[in-house]
Amino acid sequence: MGFLHGILGGVVGAEALSLIKGYLEKHGGVEGVAAEFQKNGFGQQVNSWISRGSNLPITPEQVHQTIGLVNLKDLANKYGIPVDKVSELLAKYLPAVIDKATPDGKLPS
């Protein structure tokens, strides 16, 4: 996940970088995360992150709905971040991370 350093380096602190990297690794990379959000009704947002156009936002509440409280608590405990902050950080940075990881408008194969 070296691409994360390039995408987020200097923009976010180490806690957000570690959180996002860990979340992506645990949930099947960009493909797995995209599928998880699509399955939970956020296909329009995910498709915008993958396409070459602008990224639609996602809210911390939508992240919570997709990931679930148990997974949020696991991430919070693992990275020492409050649960509500986990949702905020993922909502803030996942669109950019997935967008940058799919520069050709396609999921990596």
N, C-alpha and C. Protein backbone atom coordinates (compact mmCIF):
# COMPACT_ATOMS: atom_id res chain seq x y z
N MET A 1 0.82 -1.19 0.00
CA MET A 1 0.00 0.00 0.00
C MET A 1 0.87 1.26 0.00
N GLY A 2 1.99 1.19 -0.67
CA GLY A 2 2.86 2.33 -0.76
C GLY A 2 2.20 3.53 -1.43
N PHE A 3 1.20 3.27 -2.29
CA PHE A 3 0.53 4.37 -2.96
C PHE A 3 -0.15 5.30 -1.97
N LEU A 4 -0.52 4.79 -0.79
CA LEU A 4 -1.18 5.64 0.21
C LEU A 4 -0.28 6.76 0.67
N HIS A 5 1.00 6.48 0.81
CA HIS A 5 1.91 7.53 1.24
C HIS A 5 1.93 8.65 0.22
N GLY A 6 1.93 8.31 -1.06
CA GLY A 6 1.91 9.32 -2.11
C GLY A 6 0.60 10.09 -2.16
N ILE A 7 -0.49 9.40 -1.92
CA ILE A 7 -1.80 10.03 -1.97
C ILE A 7 -2.03 10.95 -0.78
N LEU A 8 -1.69 10.44 0.40
CA LEU A 8 -2.04 11.17 1.63
C LEU A 8 -0.86 11.81 2.33
N GLY A 9 0.34 11.49 1.88
CA GLY A 9 1.52 12.02 2.55
C GLY A 9 1.48 13.54 2.68
N GLY A 10 1.69 14.03 3.87
CA GLY A 10 1.68 15.45 4.14
C GLY A 10 0.29 16.03 4.32
N VAL A 11 -0.74 15.27 3.98
CA VAL A 11 -2.11 15.77 4.08
C VAL A 11 -2.76 15.32 5.38
N VAL A 12 -2.47 14.10 5.79
CA VAL A 12 -3.06 13.57 7.01
C VAL A 12 -1.97 13.09 7.94
N GLY A 13 -2.32 12.94 9.16
CA GLY A 13 -1.38 12.44 10.14
C GLY A 13 -1.20 10.94 10.03
N ALA A 14 -0.28 10.45 10.80
CA ALA A 14 0.05 9.03 10.79
C ALA A 14 -1.14 8.17 11.21
N GLU A 15 -1.98 8.67 12.14
CA GLU A 15 -3.11 7.86 12.58
C GLU A 15 -4.08 7.58 11.44
N ALA A 16 -4.36 8.57 10.61
CA ALA A 16 -5.28 8.36 9.50
C ALA A 16 -4.65 7.45 8.44
N LEU A 17 -3.39 7.62 8.17
CA LEU A 17 -2.71 6.78 7.19
C LEU A 17 -2.72 5.32 7.62
N SER A 18 -2.39 5.07 8.88
CA SER A 18 -2.40 3.70 9.40
C SER A 18 -3.80 3.12 9.38
N LEU A 19 -4.77 3.90 9.77
CA LEU A 19 -6.17 3.46 9.80
C LEU A 19 -6.63 3.06 8.41
N ILE A 20 -6.43 3.91 7.45
CA ILE A 20 -6.91 3.64 6.09
C ILE A 20 -6.18 2.45 5.50
N LYS A 21 -4.89 2.38 5.70
CA LYS A 21 -4.11 1.24 5.20
C LYS A 21 -4.63 -0.06 5.83
N GLY A 22 -4.82 -0.05 7.14
CA GLY A 22 -5.32 -1.24 7.84
C GLY A 22 -6.71 -1.63 7.40
N TYR A 23 -7.58 -0.66 7.22
CA TYR A 23 -8.94 -0.93 6.77
C TYR A 23 -8.93 -1.56 5.39
N LEU A 24 -8.16 -0.98 4.47
CA LEU A 24 -8.10 -1.53 3.12
C LEU A 24 -7.54 -2.95 3.12
N GLU A 25 -6.50 -3.19 3.89
CA GLU A 25 -5.89 -4.52 3.93
C GLU A 25 -6.85 -5.56 4.49
N LYS A 26 -7.60 -5.18 5.54
CA LYS A 26 -8.52 -6.12 6.18
C LYS A 26 -9.76 -6.40 5.34
N HIS A 27 -10.11 -5.49 4.46
CA HIS A 27 -11.36 -5.61 3.71
C HIS A 27 -11.15 -5.85 2.22
N GLY A 28 -10.04 -6.46 1.86
CA GLY A 28 -9.84 -6.88 0.47
C GLY A 28 -9.33 -5.82 -0.47
N GLY A 29 -8.63 -4.83 0.06
CA GLY A 29 -8.07 -3.79 -0.80
C GLY A 29 -9.14 -2.89 -1.36
N VAL A 30 -8.76 -2.15 -2.39
CA VAL A 30 -9.69 -1.21 -3.01
C VAL A 30 -10.92 -1.94 -3.55
N GLU A 31 -10.69 -3.10 -4.15
CA GLU A 31 -11.81 -3.86 -4.72
C GLU A 31 -12.81 -4.28 -3.65
N GLY A 32 -12.30 -4.79 -2.53
CA GLY A 32 -13.17 -5.24 -1.45
C GLY A 32 -13.94 -4.11 -0.80
N VAL A 33 -13.27 -2.99 -0.59
CA VAL A 33 -13.93 -1.84 0.01
C VAL A 33 -15.00 -1.29 -0.93
N ALA A 34 -14.68 -1.20 -2.21
CA ALA A 34 -15.66 -0.72 -3.19
C ALA A 34 -16.88 -1.62 -3.20
N ALA A 35 -16.66 -2.93 -3.20
CA ALA A 35 -17.78 -3.88 -3.19
C ALA A 35 -18.62 -3.75 -1.93
N GLU A 36 -17.96 -3.55 -0.79
CA GLU A 36 -18.67 -3.42 0.48
C GLU A 36 -19.60 -2.20 0.47
N PHE A 37 -19.10 -1.07 -0.02
CA PHE A 37 -19.93 0.13 -0.07
C PHE A 37 -21.04 0.00 -1.12
N GLN A 38 -20.74 -0.61 -2.26
CA GLN A 38 -21.77 -0.82 -3.28
C GLN A 38 -22.88 -1.71 -2.75
N LYS A 39 -22.51 -2.79 -2.06
CA LYS A 39 -23.48 -3.73 -1.51
C LYS A 39 -24.40 -3.06 -0.50
N ASN A 40 -23.93 -2.02 0.16
CA ASN A 40 -24.72 -1.34 1.18
C ASN A 40 -25.45 -0.11 0.65
N GLY A 41 -25.58 0.00 -0.66
CA GLY A 41 -26.39 1.06 -1.25
C GLY A 41 -25.66 2.33 -1.62
N PHE A 42 -24.33 2.30 -1.62
CA PHE A 42 -23.58 3.50 -1.93
C PHE A 42 -22.79 3.35 -3.24
N GLY A 43 -23.41 2.64 -4.19
CA GLY A 43 -22.79 2.42 -5.48
C GLY A 43 -22.52 3.69 -6.25
N GLN A 44 -23.44 4.64 -6.16
CA GLN A 44 -23.27 5.91 -6.88
C GLN A 44 -22.01 6.63 -6.39
N GLN A 45 -21.83 6.66 -5.08
CA GLN A 45 -20.64 7.31 -4.52
C GLN A 45 -19.37 6.56 -4.95
N VAL A 46 -19.37 5.24 -4.79
CA VAL A 46 -18.19 4.45 -5.14
C VAL A 46 -17.86 4.59 -6.61
N ASN A 47 -18.87 4.53 -7.47
CA ASN A 47 -18.63 4.67 -8.90
C ASN A 47 -18.00 6.03 -9.23
N SER A 48 -18.38 7.06 -8.49
CA SER A 48 -17.78 8.38 -8.72
C SER A 48 -16.31 8.40 -8.28
N TRP A 49 -15.97 7.63 -7.25
CA TRP A 49 -14.58 7.60 -6.79
C TRP A 49 -13.71 6.87 -7.80
N ILE A 50 -14.28 5.87 -8.45
CA ILE A 50 -13.52 5.07 -9.42
C ILE A 50 -13.44 5.76 -10.77
N SER A 51 -14.46 6.51 -11.13
CA SER A 51 -14.48 7.17 -12.44
C SER A 51 -13.50 8.34 -12.47
N ARG A 52 -13.38 8.92 -13.63
CA ARG A 52 -12.45 10.04 -13.82
C ARG A 52 -13.07 11.39 -13.43
N GLY A 53 -14.34 11.41 -13.08
CA GLY A 53 -15.00 12.65 -12.71
C GLY A 53 -14.76 13.01 -11.25
N SER A 54 -15.55 13.93 -10.76
CA SER A 54 -15.40 14.36 -9.37
C SER A 54 -15.98 13.30 -8.44
N ASN A 55 -15.50 13.32 -7.20
CA ASN A 55 -15.90 12.33 -6.19
C ASN A 55 -17.09 12.82 -5.40
N LEU A 56 -18.12 11.97 -5.32
CA LEU A 56 -19.24 12.27 -4.43
C LEU A 56 -18.80 11.97 -3.00
N PRO A 57 -19.25 12.78 -2.05
CA PRO A 57 -18.86 12.54 -0.66
C PRO A 57 -19.64 11.39 -0.05
N ILE A 58 -19.12 10.93 1.05
CA ILE A 58 -19.81 9.95 1.89
C ILE A 58 -19.72 10.47 3.32
N THR A 59 -20.75 10.26 4.09
CA THR A 59 -20.78 10.80 5.44
C THR A 59 -20.24 9.78 6.44
N PRO A 60 -19.84 10.26 7.62
CA PRO A 60 -19.45 9.32 8.67
C PRO A 60 -20.57 8.34 9.01
N GLU A 61 -21.81 8.78 8.95
CA GLU A 61 -22.95 7.91 9.23
C GLU A 61 -23.06 6.80 8.18
N GLN A 62 -22.80 7.13 6.92
CA GLN A 62 -22.84 6.14 5.86
C GLN A 62 -21.69 5.14 6.00
N VAL A 63 -20.54 5.62 6.44
CA VAL A 63 -19.42 4.72 6.72
C VAL A 63 -19.81 3.76 7.84
N HIS A 64 -20.39 4.31 8.89
CA HIS A 64 -20.84 3.50 10.03
C HIS A 64 -21.84 2.44 9.55
N GLN A 65 -22.79 2.85 8.73
CA GLN A 65 -23.81 1.93 8.22
C GLN A 65 -23.16 0.81 7.41
N THR A 66 -22.16 1.13 6.63
CA THR A 66 -21.50 0.14 5.77
C THR A 66 -20.60 -0.80 6.56
N ILE A 67 -19.81 -0.24 7.42
CA ILE A 67 -18.79 -1.03 8.13
C ILE A 67 -19.38 -1.75 9.34
N GLY A 68 -20.30 -1.09 10.03
CA GLY A 68 -20.89 -1.67 11.22
C GLY A 68 -20.12 -1.30 12.47
N LEU A 69 -20.82 -1.27 13.56
CA LEU A 69 -20.25 -0.84 14.83
C LEU A 69 -19.12 -1.75 15.31
N VAL A 70 -19.28 -3.04 15.15
CA VAL A 70 -18.25 -3.98 15.62
C VAL A 70 -16.93 -3.71 14.89
N ASN A 71 -16.98 -3.58 13.57
CA ASN A 71 -15.76 -3.31 12.81
C ASN A 71 -15.18 -1.94 13.15
N LEU A 72 -16.04 -0.96 13.35
CA LEU A 72 -15.55 0.37 13.74
C LEU A 72 -14.84 0.31 15.08
N LYS A 73 -15.43 -0.42 16.03
CA LYS A 73 -14.79 -0.57 17.34
C LYS A 73 -13.46 -1.30 17.24
N ASP A 74 -13.41 -2.33 16.40
CA ASP A 74 -12.15 -3.05 16.19
C ASP A 74 -11.07 -2.12 15.65
N LEU A 75 -11.42 -1.32 14.64
CA LEU A 75 -10.46 -0.36 14.08
C LEU A 75 -10.05 0.68 15.11
N ALA A 76 -11.02 1.16 15.88
CA ALA A 76 -10.73 2.16 16.90
C ALA A 76 -9.76 1.60 17.93
N ASN A 77 -10.01 0.39 18.40
CA ASN A 77 -9.12 -0.23 19.39
C ASN A 77 -7.74 -0.50 18.82
N LYS A 78 -7.69 -0.99 17.58
CA LYS A 78 -6.41 -1.33 16.97
C LYS A 78 -5.53 -0.10 16.77
N TYR A 79 -6.13 1.01 16.39
CA TYR A 79 -5.35 2.21 16.06
C TYR A 79 -5.42 3.30 17.13
N GLY A 80 -6.12 3.04 18.23
CA GLY A 80 -6.18 4.00 19.33
C GLY A 80 -6.88 5.29 18.96
N ILE A 81 -7.94 5.17 18.17
CA ILE A 81 -8.69 6.33 17.70
C ILE A 81 -10.13 6.17 18.18
N PRO A 82 -10.78 7.23 18.66
CA PRO A 82 -12.18 7.12 19.06
C PRO A 82 -13.05 6.65 17.88
N VAL A 83 -14.09 5.89 18.18
CA VAL A 83 -14.94 5.30 17.15
C VAL A 83 -15.50 6.37 16.21
N ASP A 84 -16.01 7.47 16.75
CA ASP A 84 -16.58 8.50 15.88
C ASP A 84 -15.52 9.12 14.97
N LYS A 85 -14.30 9.19 15.44
CA LYS A 85 -13.21 9.73 14.62
C LYS A 85 -12.84 8.76 13.50
N VAL A 86 -12.96 7.45 13.75
CA VAL A 86 -12.69 6.45 12.71
C VAL A 86 -13.64 6.69 11.53
N SER A 87 -14.92 6.85 11.81
CA SER A 87 -15.91 7.11 10.75
C SER A 87 -15.59 8.40 10.01
N GLU A 88 -15.22 9.43 10.77
CA GLU A 88 -14.91 10.73 10.15
C GLU A 88 -13.70 10.62 9.22
N LEU A 89 -12.65 9.97 9.69
CA LEU A 89 -11.43 9.85 8.89
C LEU A 89 -11.68 9.03 7.62
N LEU A 90 -12.40 7.92 7.76
CA LEU A 90 -12.69 7.11 6.59
C LEU A 90 -13.58 7.86 5.60
N ALA A 91 -14.57 8.57 6.09
CA ALA A 91 -15.45 9.34 5.21
C ALA A 91 -14.67 10.44 4.49
N LYS A 92 -13.75 11.01 5.17
CA LYS A 92 -12.98 12.12 4.60
C LYS A 92 -11.98 11.65 3.55
N TYR A 93 -11.32 10.52 3.80
CA TYR A 93 -10.20 10.14 2.94
C TYR A 93 -10.44 8.96 1.99
N LEU A 94 -11.41 8.10 2.26
CA LEU A 94 -11.64 6.96 1.35
C LEU A 94 -11.93 7.39 -0.09
N PRO A 95 -12.78 8.42 -0.31
CA PRO A 95 -13.01 8.82 -1.70
C PRO A 95 -11.72 9.16 -2.45
N ALA A 96 -10.84 9.91 -1.81
CA ALA A 96 -9.58 10.30 -2.46
C ALA A 96 -8.67 9.10 -2.67
N VAL A 97 -8.60 8.22 -1.69
CA VAL A 97 -7.73 7.05 -1.80
C VAL A 97 -8.19 6.15 -2.94
N ILE A 98 -9.49 5.87 -2.98
CA ILE A 98 -10.00 4.99 -4.04
C ILE A 98 -9.87 5.67 -5.40
N ASP A 99 -10.11 6.97 -5.44
CA ASP A 99 -9.96 7.73 -6.68
C ASP A 99 -8.52 7.63 -7.20
N LYS A 100 -7.56 7.87 -6.34
CA LYS A 100 -6.15 7.84 -6.75
C LYS A 100 -5.68 6.42 -7.07
N ALA A 101 -6.28 5.43 -6.46
CA ALA A 101 -5.90 4.03 -6.71
C ALA A 101 -6.50 3.51 -8.02
N THR A 102 -7.42 4.29 -8.60
CA THR A 102 -8.08 3.88 -9.85
C THR A 102 -7.96 4.99 -10.89
N PRO A 103 -6.75 5.39 -11.25
CA PRO A 103 -6.56 6.54 -12.14
C PRO A 103 -7.13 6.35 -13.54
N ASP A 104 -7.27 5.11 -13.97
CA ASP A 104 -7.83 4.87 -15.31
C ASP A 104 -9.33 4.67 -15.28
N GLY A 105 -9.94 4.90 -14.12
CA GLY A 105 -11.38 4.72 -14.00
C GLY A 105 -11.81 3.28 -13.90
N LYS A 106 -10.87 2.40 -13.51
CA LYS A 106 -11.18 0.98 -13.36
C LYS A 106 -10.53 0.47 -12.08
N LEU A 107 -11.18 -0.52 -11.46
CA LEU A 107 -10.59 -1.16 -10.29
C LEU A 107 -9.35 -1.93 -10.71
N PRO A 108 -8.34 -1.99 -9.83
CA PRO A 108 -7.15 -2.78 -10.15
C PRO A 108 -7.53 -4.26 -10.28
N SER A 109 -6.81 -4.95 -11.15
CA SER A 109 -7.12 -6.38 -11.31
C SER A 109 -6.09 -7.25 -10.65
